[in-house]
Amino acid sequence: MWASIEVIYEQIDLVKAAHGKIQQTRAQLGQMPEQANKFIHFLNTKNKEQLEALGIPDMTDTILEIKRVLTKRTLMQNIERRCQDMQVEINSFMGKFTVLQNKGLPSPLVINDRLMKHIDYVDKLNKYVGDQASSSTSASRIKTLPTGRVLYASMGNLFYIEHEVKHLFQFQPNFSDIQKLMRL
């Protein structure tokens, strides 16, 4: 399960990085995609002599260069759509995870919303469970070891939380497609 939680937080970082790249690409492209279509139409209406007079020796190479702008825009739009899909999945997970945290599951985050190491989180959970068990037994002033029923009652929502955590993911998260697109 921890690997899936790590993937979600990696997805969050990936979506942030992708949004940065999208904004950068959008700024680079500016009005070029709209101008590119007009320029291609303009080139297609001229003959070879007219193009040479304009300083364009090869219409095909020029059109291919212009189409790179359109391809870059299309790739940016694909990344944007995939980021939106990932954000929906992230929001769904975080909604479920927040419910569990509201019921007592400790947060797996440290400073600056970074995910803590697995071993540190396990220690945090163990300490939390120990604190819950000791506070419950001291509150009820049980002088002997707790029975299964008393232990279950003292743990409160922990068994429920454990069950819910196991069913937090309907599907294993996958974000390799966006990483491939961002490399282009």
Protein backbone atom coordinates (compact mmCIF):
# COMPACT_ATOMS: atom_id res chain seq x y z
CA MET A 1 0.00 0.00 0.00
CA TRP A 2 2.84 2.43 0.79
CA ALA A 3 4.07 2.17 -2.81
CA SER A 4 0.66 3.38 -4.00
CA ILE A 5 0.75 6.32 -1.58
CA GLU A 6 4.21 7.19 -2.88
CA VAL A 7 2.87 7.04 -6.45
CA ILE A 8 0.06 9.47 -5.60
CA TYR A 9 2.51 11.98 -4.15
CA GLU A 10 4.79 11.49 -7.18
CA GLN A 11 1.75 12.17 -9.37
CA ILE A 12 1.11 15.38 -7.44
CA ASP A 13 4.70 16.49 -8.11
CA LEU A 14 4.45 15.39 -11.74
CA VAL A 15 1.24 17.35 -12.30
CA LYS A 16 2.88 20.46 -10.81
CA ALA A 17 5.91 20.03 -13.08
CA ALA A 18 3.67 19.41 -16.09
CA HIS A 19 1.67 22.57 -15.38
CA GLY A 20 4.93 24.51 -15.27
CA LYS A 21 5.98 23.07 -18.64
CA ILE A 22 2.54 23.75 -20.09
CA GLN A 23 2.70 27.40 -19.03
CA GLN A 24 6.24 27.68 -20.41
CA THR A 25 5.20 26.14 -23.74
CA ARG A 26 2.07 28.29 -23.90
CA ALA A 27 4.24 31.40 -23.43
CA GLN A 28 6.71 30.21 -26.08
CA LEU A 29 3.98 29.50 -28.61
CA GLY A 30 2.00 32.65 -27.98
CA GLN A 31 -0.05 33.37 -31.12
CA MET A 32 2.11 31.17 -33.37
CA PRO A 33 -0.42 28.32 -33.82
CA GLU A 34 -3.04 30.70 -35.21
CA GLN A 35 -0.46 32.44 -37.36
CA ALA A 36 0.94 29.08 -38.51
CA ASN A 37 -2.36 28.06 -40.10
CA LYS A 38 -2.61 31.42 -41.87
CA PHE A 39 0.99 31.20 -43.05
CA ILE A 40 0.49 27.66 -44.41
CA HIS A 41 -2.58 28.86 -46.30
CA PHE A 42 -0.56 31.82 -47.61
CA LEU A 43 2.26 29.53 -48.79
CA ASN A 44 -0.18 27.21 -50.52
CA THR A 45 -1.58 30.11 -52.58
CA LYS A 46 1.82 31.13 -54.00
CA ASN A 47 3.75 29.63 -56.86
CA LYS A 48 7.47 28.79 -56.84
CA GLU A 49 8.59 32.12 -58.36
CA GLN A 50 6.55 34.14 -55.86
CA LEU A 51 8.01 32.14 -52.95
CA GLU A 52 11.58 32.62 -54.21
CA ALA A 53 10.91 36.37 -54.45
CA LEU A 54 9.85 36.26 -50.77
CA GLY A 55 13.09 34.42 -49.89
CA ILE A 56 11.51 31.01 -49.42
CA PRO A 57 13.49 28.51 -51.52
CA ASP A 58 11.58 25.33 -50.49
CA MET A 59 7.89 25.48 -49.64
CA THR A 60 7.76 21.90 -48.27
CA ASP A 61 10.56 22.45 -45.73
CA THR A 62 9.00 25.73 -44.65
CA ILE A 63 5.58 24.13 -44.15
CA LEU A 64 7.14 21.25 -42.19
CA GLU A 65 8.89 23.75 -39.94
CA ILE A 66 5.60 25.57 -39.39
CA LYS A 67 3.81 22.30 -38.62
CA ARG A 68 6.23 21.71 -35.73
CA VAL A 69 4.49 24.58 -33.95
CA LEU A 70 1.15 22.86 -34.43
CA THR A 71 2.58 19.53 -33.25
CA LYS A 72 3.98 21.18 -30.13
CA ARG A 73 0.59 22.71 -29.42
CA THR A 74 -1.10 19.33 -29.84
CA LEU A 75 1.37 17.65 -27.47
CA MET A 76 0.83 20.42 -24.93
CA GLN A 77 -2.94 19.92 -25.15
CA ASN A 78 -2.53 16.14 -24.69
CA ILE A 79 -0.42 16.68 -21.58
CA GLU A 80 -3.00 19.14 -20.30
CA ARG A 81 -5.81 16.58 -20.74
CA ARG A 82 -3.82 13.83 -19.04
CA CYS A 83 -2.99 16.17 -16.17
CA GLN A 84 -6.67 16.90 -15.73
CA ASP A 85 -7.41 13.15 -15.64
CA MET A 86 -4.64 12.61 -13.11
CA GLN A 87 -5.88 15.51 -11.00
CA VAL A 88 -9.33 13.90 -10.83
CA GLU A 89 -7.73 10.65 -9.59
CA ILE A 90 -5.53 12.55 -7.11
CA ASN A 91 -8.51 14.47 -5.76
CA SER A 92 -10.49 11.23 -5.38
CA PHE A 93 -7.64 9.60 -3.46
CA MET A 94 -7.00 12.65 -1.31
CA GLY A 95 -10.70 12.85 -0.45
CA LYS A 96 -10.68 9.26 0.77
CA PHE A 97 -7.37 9.73 2.54
CA THR A 98 -8.62 12.89 4.28
CA VAL A 99 -11.63 10.97 5.60
CA LEU A 100 -9.25 8.42 7.09
CA GLN A 101 -7.09 11.15 8.61
CA ASN A 102 -10.18 12.74 10.13
CA LYS A 103 -10.94 9.36 11.72
CA GLY A 104 -7.50 9.20 13.31
CA LEU A 105 -4.96 8.05 10.71
CA PRO A 106 -1.78 10.11 11.19
CA SER A 107 -0.60 12.27 8.31
CA PRO A 108 2.25 10.84 6.20
CA LEU A 109 3.57 14.31 5.44
CA VAL A 110 6.46 16.26 6.89
CA ILE A 111 7.60 19.84 6.32
CA ASN A 112 6.55 21.43 2.99
CA ASP A 113 4.00 18.67 2.32
CA ARG A 114 6.72 16.14 1.49
CA LEU A 115 6.00 12.45 2.03
CA MET A 116 7.97 10.95 4.91
CA LYS A 117 9.96 7.76 4.55
CA HIS A 118 8.04 4.53 4.96
CA ILE A 119 9.98 3.43 8.03
CA ASP A 120 9.30 6.79 9.71
CA TYR A 121 5.59 6.48 8.98
CA VAL A 122 5.49 2.95 10.37
CA ASP A 123 7.15 4.25 13.55
CA LYS A 124 4.63 7.09 13.70
CA LEU A 125 1.72 4.66 13.31
CA ASN A 126 3.11 2.32 15.96
CA LYS A 127 3.56 5.21 18.37
CA TYR A 128 0.03 6.42 17.63
CA VAL A 129 -1.44 2.96 18.24
CA GLY A 130 0.58 2.63 21.44
CA ASP A 131 -0.59 6.04 22.63
CA GLN A 132 -4.20 5.16 21.84
CA ALA A 133 -3.96 1.85 23.69
CA SER A 134 -2.23 3.36 26.74
CA SER A 135 -4.56 6.35 26.97
CA SER A 136 -7.59 4.09 26.70
CA THR A 137 -6.38 1.67 29.36
CA SER A 138 -5.34 4.45 31.72
CA ALA A 139 -8.66 6.20 31.23
CA SER A 140 -10.63 3.10 32.09
CA ARG A 141 -8.18 2.17 34.89
CA ILE A 142 -7.86 -1.44 33.83
CA LYS A 143 -5.27 -3.01 36.11
CA THR A 144 -4.86 -6.23 34.13
CA LEU A 145 -3.98 -6.84 30.51
CA PRO A 146 -6.82 -5.88 28.20
CA THR A 147 -8.93 -8.64 26.68
CA GLY A 148 -9.60 -8.77 22.97
CA ARG A 149 -12.88 -6.89 23.32
CA VAL A 150 -11.36 -4.18 25.54
CA LEU A 151 -8.39 -3.89 23.19
CA TYR A 152 -10.73 -3.58 20.21
CA ALA A 153 -12.74 -0.89 22.00
CA SER A 154 -9.56 0.95 23.03
CA MET A 155 -8.30 1.02 19.46
CA GLY A 156 -11.46 2.79 18.35
CA ASN A 157 -11.38 3.41 14.65
CA LEU A 158 -7.99 1.83 13.97
CA PHE A 159 -9.39 -1.47 12.69
CA TYR A 160 -11.85 0.42 10.51
CA ILE A 161 -9.04 2.64 9.22
CA GLU A 162 -6.86 -0.38 8.43
CA HIS A 163 -9.72 -1.93 6.45
CA GLU A 164 -10.41 1.32 4.60
CA VAL A 165 -6.72 1.86 3.75
CA LYS A 166 -6.57 -1.57 2.14
CA HIS A 167 -9.46 -0.58 -0.15
CA LEU A 168 -8.29 2.95 -0.88
CA PHE A 169 -7.11 2.13 -4.39
CA GLN A 170 -9.50 0.75 -6.95
CA PHE A 171 -6.71 0.60 -9.54
CA GLN A 172 -2.95 0.82 -9.25
CA PRO A 173 -2.01 4.42 -10.15
CA ASN A 174 -0.15 4.84 -13.45
CA PHE A 175 1.52 7.99 -14.67
CA SER A 176 4.18 6.75 -17.08
CA ASP A 177 2.27 8.15 -20.09
CA ILE A 178 2.65 11.73 -18.86
CA GLN A 179 6.32 11.23 -18.11
CA LYS A 180 6.83 10.02 -21.69
CA LEU A 181 4.95 13.01 -23.10
CA MET A 182 6.91 15.50 -20.97
CA ARG A 183 10.19 14.18 -22.43
CA LEU A 184 9.10 15.17 -25.96
